Amino acid sequence: MEELICSVEFLRGPSEVVARVSSEAGGVREYRAPTTTAVIDQVINDLQEEFESAPAA
């Protein structure tokens, strides 16, 4: 059975890239950076920390 653990949206604005992340443990948060790579790195780091500290199901 599949279970949604997070949702990630990427949006490109005129001067920056925005990522919106939603998860049960972390709630909704937003990241902004001038490049796609920079915002993806922020999202990866945050989700890695969140899921490494989450209790095993």
Protein backbone atom coordinates (compact mmCIF):
# COMPACT_ATOMS: atom_id res chain seq x y z
CA MET A 1 0.00 0.00 0.00
CA GLU A 2 1.34 3.43 -0.93
CA GLU A 3 1.27 6.37 1.43
CA LEU A 4 1.91 10.02 0.56
CA ILE A 5 4.76 11.26 2.77
CA CYS A 6 5.37 14.67 1.20
CA SER A 7 4.38 16.95 -1.62
CA VAL A 8 6.80 19.26 -3.45
CA GLU A 9 5.96 22.04 -5.93
CA PHE A 10 8.54 24.00 -7.92
CA LEU A 11 7.66 27.38 -9.39
CA ARG A 12 9.85 29.65 -11.51
CA GLY A 13 9.48 33.38 -11.01
CA PRO A 14 11.16 36.22 -12.89
CA SER A 15 14.18 36.33 -10.56
CA GLU A 16 14.02 33.20 -8.41
CA VAL A 17 12.83 29.62 -8.09
CA VAL A 18 10.36 28.76 -5.33
CA ALA A 19 9.77 25.34 -3.79
CA ARG A 20 6.76 24.60 -1.61
CA VAL A 21 7.05 21.50 0.51
CA SER A 22 4.27 19.94 2.55
CA SER A 23 4.65 16.98 4.88
CA GLU A 24 2.85 15.66 7.91
CA ALA A 25 5.86 16.09 10.20
CA GLY A 26 7.14 19.41 8.87
CA GLY A 27 3.95 21.13 7.78
CA VAL A 28 4.05 23.55 4.85
CA ARG A 29 7.22 25.51 4.14
CA GLU A 30 8.66 27.49 1.28
CA TYR A 31 12.20 27.87 -0.07
CA ARG A 32 13.52 30.53 -2.44
CA ALA A 33 16.78 30.71 -4.34
CA PRO A 34 18.10 32.33 -7.51
CA THR A 35 18.73 28.99 -9.24
CA THR A 36 16.92 25.68 -9.55
CA THR A 37 19.95 23.80 -8.23
CA ALA A 38 20.13 25.96 -5.10
CA VAL A 39 16.46 25.53 -4.21
CA ILE A 40 16.56 21.77 -4.88
CA ASP A 41 19.59 21.49 -2.58
CA GLN A 42 17.64 23.28 0.17
CA VAL A 43 14.67 20.93 -0.24
CA ILE A 44 16.86 17.81 -0.28
CA ASN A 45 18.70 18.84 2.89
CA ASP A 46 15.50 19.67 4.76
CA LEU A 47 13.68 16.47 3.77
CA GLN A 48 16.73 14.33 4.52
CA GLU A 49 16.93 15.77 8.04
CA GLU A 50 13.17 15.36 8.53
CA PHE A 51 13.04 11.72 7.43
CA GLU A 52 16.25 10.68 9.19
CA SER A 53 14.85 11.93 12.50
CA ALA A 54 11.36 10.48 11.95
CA PRO A 55 10.48 7.31 13.85
CA ALA A 56 10.36 4.14 11.75
CA ALA A 57 6.86 3.01 10.83
